[in-house]
Amino acid sequence: MVLSDSCSWANEQFGHARLGDPRRTRRLVSLASSLAQHAGLSIVKSSQSTAQVEGAYRLMRNPSVSPEAIAE
């Protein structure tokens, strides 16, 4: 299946991640979509606001979010 836009791709890849709270999953999908739209750029440069940057870093720092949970 070929997905034509980054939002669809991110949702397909990460929309079912069980991160303990649906808001974390939505944040992961949003972050992945933003990074896909701006391939090669940092989180800071690919984000549209400081709130998005802080949300991304909060997600990565969260002890409830593990690489294994994201990869499932």
C-alpha atoms as a PDB file:
ATOM      1  CA  MET A   1       0.000   0.000   0.000  1.00  0.00           C
ATOM      2  CA  VAL A   2       1.345   3.403  -0.964  1.00  0.00           C
ATOM      3  CA  LEU A   3       0.239   6.297   1.214  1.00  0.00           C
ATOM      4  CA  SER A   4       0.357   9.635  -0.534  1.00  0.00           C
ATOM      5  CA  ASP A   5       0.637  11.983   2.412  1.00  0.00           C
ATOM      6  CA  SER A   6       2.631  12.088   5.616  1.00  0.00           C
ATOM      7  CA  CYS A   7      -0.433  12.230   7.882  1.00  0.00           C
ATOM      8  CA  SER A   8      -1.836   8.998   6.453  1.00  0.00           C
ATOM      9  CA  TRP A   9       1.569   7.335   6.627  1.00  0.00           C
ATOM     10  CA  ALA A  10       2.140   8.379  10.255  1.00  0.00           C
ATOM     11  CA  ASN A  11      -1.328   7.238  11.279  1.00  0.00           C
ATOM     12  CA  GLU A  12      -0.859   3.883   9.543  1.00  0.00           C
ATOM     13  CA  GLN A  13       2.543   3.335  11.175  1.00  0.00           C
ATOM     14  CA  PHE A  14       1.932   4.658  14.690  1.00  0.00           C
ATOM     15  CA  GLY A  15      -1.813   5.151  15.152  1.00  0.00           C
ATOM     16  CA  HIS A  16      -2.186   1.856  17.000  1.00  0.00           C
ATOM     17  CA  ALA A  17       0.704   2.367  19.434  1.00  0.00           C
ATOM     18  CA  ARG A  18      -0.357   1.648  23.001  1.00  0.00           C
ATOM     19  CA  LEU A  19       1.390   4.312  25.017  1.00  0.00           C
ATOM     20  CA  GLY A  20      -0.917   4.321  28.035  1.00  0.00           C
ATOM     21  CA  ASP A  21      -2.879   7.406  26.986  1.00  0.00           C
ATOM     22  CA  PRO A  22      -4.481   8.188  23.608  1.00  0.00           C
ATOM     23  CA  ARG A  23      -3.029  11.719  23.728  1.00  0.00           C
ATOM     24  CA  ARG A  24       0.471  10.242  23.619  1.00  0.00           C
ATOM     25  CA  THR A  25      -0.434   8.231  20.543  1.00  0.00           C
ATOM     26  CA  ARG A  26      -1.859  11.341  18.862  1.00  0.00           C
ATOM     27  CA  ARG A  27       1.318  13.254  19.747  1.00  0.00           C
ATOM     28  CA  LEU A  28       3.455  10.445  18.274  1.00  0.00           C
ATOM     29  CA  VAL A  29       1.447  10.462  15.031  1.00  0.00           C
ATOM     30  CA  SER A  30       1.685  14.249  14.822  1.00  0.00           C
ATOM     31  CA  LEU A  31       5.434  14.210  15.463  1.00  0.00           C
ATOM     32  CA  ALA A  32       6.058  11.464  12.901  1.00  0.00           C
ATOM     33  CA  SER A  33       3.980  13.312  10.309  1.00  0.00           C
ATOM     34  CA  SER A  34       5.847  16.568  10.903  1.00  0.00           C
ATOM     35  CA  LEU A  35       9.235  14.869  10.677  1.00  0.00           C
ATOM     36  CA  ALA A  36       8.170  13.061   7.483  1.00  0.00           C
ATOM     37  CA  GLN A  37       7.067  16.351   5.906  1.00  0.00           C
ATOM     38  CA  HIS A  38      10.413  17.917   6.786  1.00  0.00           C
ATOM     39  CA  ALA A  39      12.789  15.006   6.235  1.00  0.00           C
ATOM     40  CA  GLY A  40      16.313  15.707   7.370  1.00  0.00           C
ATOM     41  CA  LEU A  41      15.382  18.570   9.695  1.00  0.00           C
ATOM     42  CA  SER A  42      15.529  18.550  13.469  1.00  0.00           C
ATOM     43  CA  ILE A  43      12.456  18.488  15.679  1.00  0.00           C
ATOM     44  CA  VAL A  44      12.917  22.196  16.357  1.00  0.00           C
ATOM     45  CA  LYS A  45      13.102  23.096  12.662  1.00  0.00           C
ATOM     46  CA  SER A  46      10.269  20.799  11.596  1.00  0.00           C
ATOM     47  CA  SER A  47       7.852  22.041  14.278  1.00  0.00           C
ATOM     48  CA  GLN A  48       5.557  24.999  13.757  1.00  0.00           C
ATOM     49  CA  SER A  49       5.542  26.212  17.363  1.00  0.00           C
ATOM     50  CA  THR A  50       7.422  26.005  20.623  1.00  0.00           C
ATOM     51  CA  ALA A  51       4.461  24.068  22.031  1.00  0.00           C
ATOM     52  CA  GLN A  52       5.018  21.350  19.411  1.00  0.00           C
ATOM     53  CA  VAL A  53       8.714  21.207  20.251  1.00  0.00           C
ATOM     54  CA  GLU A  54       8.041  20.906  23.979  1.00  0.00           C
ATOM     55  CA  GLY A  55       5.349  18.284  23.340  1.00  0.00           C
ATOM     56  CA  ALA A  56       7.760  16.197  21.276  1.00  0.00           C
ATOM     57  CA  TYR A  57      10.463  16.321  23.927  1.00  0.00           C
ATOM     58  CA  ARG A  58       7.937  15.594  26.699  1.00  0.00           C
ATOM     59  CA  LEU A  59       6.806  12.529  24.756  1.00  0.00           C
ATOM     60  CA  MET A  60      10.376  11.261  24.436  1.00  0.00           C
ATOM     61  CA  ARG A  61      11.120  11.875  28.126  1.00  0.00           C
ATOM     62  CA  ASN A  62       7.968  10.118  29.299  1.00  0.00           C
ATOM     63  CA  PRO A  63       8.850   6.877  31.120  1.00  0.00           C
ATOM     64  CA  SER A  64       5.594   5.313  29.879  1.00  0.00           C
ATOM     65  CA  VAL A  65       6.752   5.617  26.261  1.00  0.00           C
ATOM     66  CA  SER A  66       9.243   2.975  25.171  1.00  0.00           C
ATOM     67  CA  PRO A  67      10.712   2.092  21.779  1.00  0.00           C
ATOM     68  CA  GLU A  68       9.089  -1.335  22.114  1.00  0.00           C
ATOM     69  CA  ALA A  69       5.629   0.192  22.600  1.00  0.00           C
ATOM     70  CA  ILE A  70       6.131   2.418  19.558  1.00  0.00           C
ATOM     71  CA  ALA A  71       7.377  -0.466  17.403  1.00  0.00           C
ATOM     72  CA  GLU A  72       4.456  -2.798  18.155  1.00  0.00           C
END
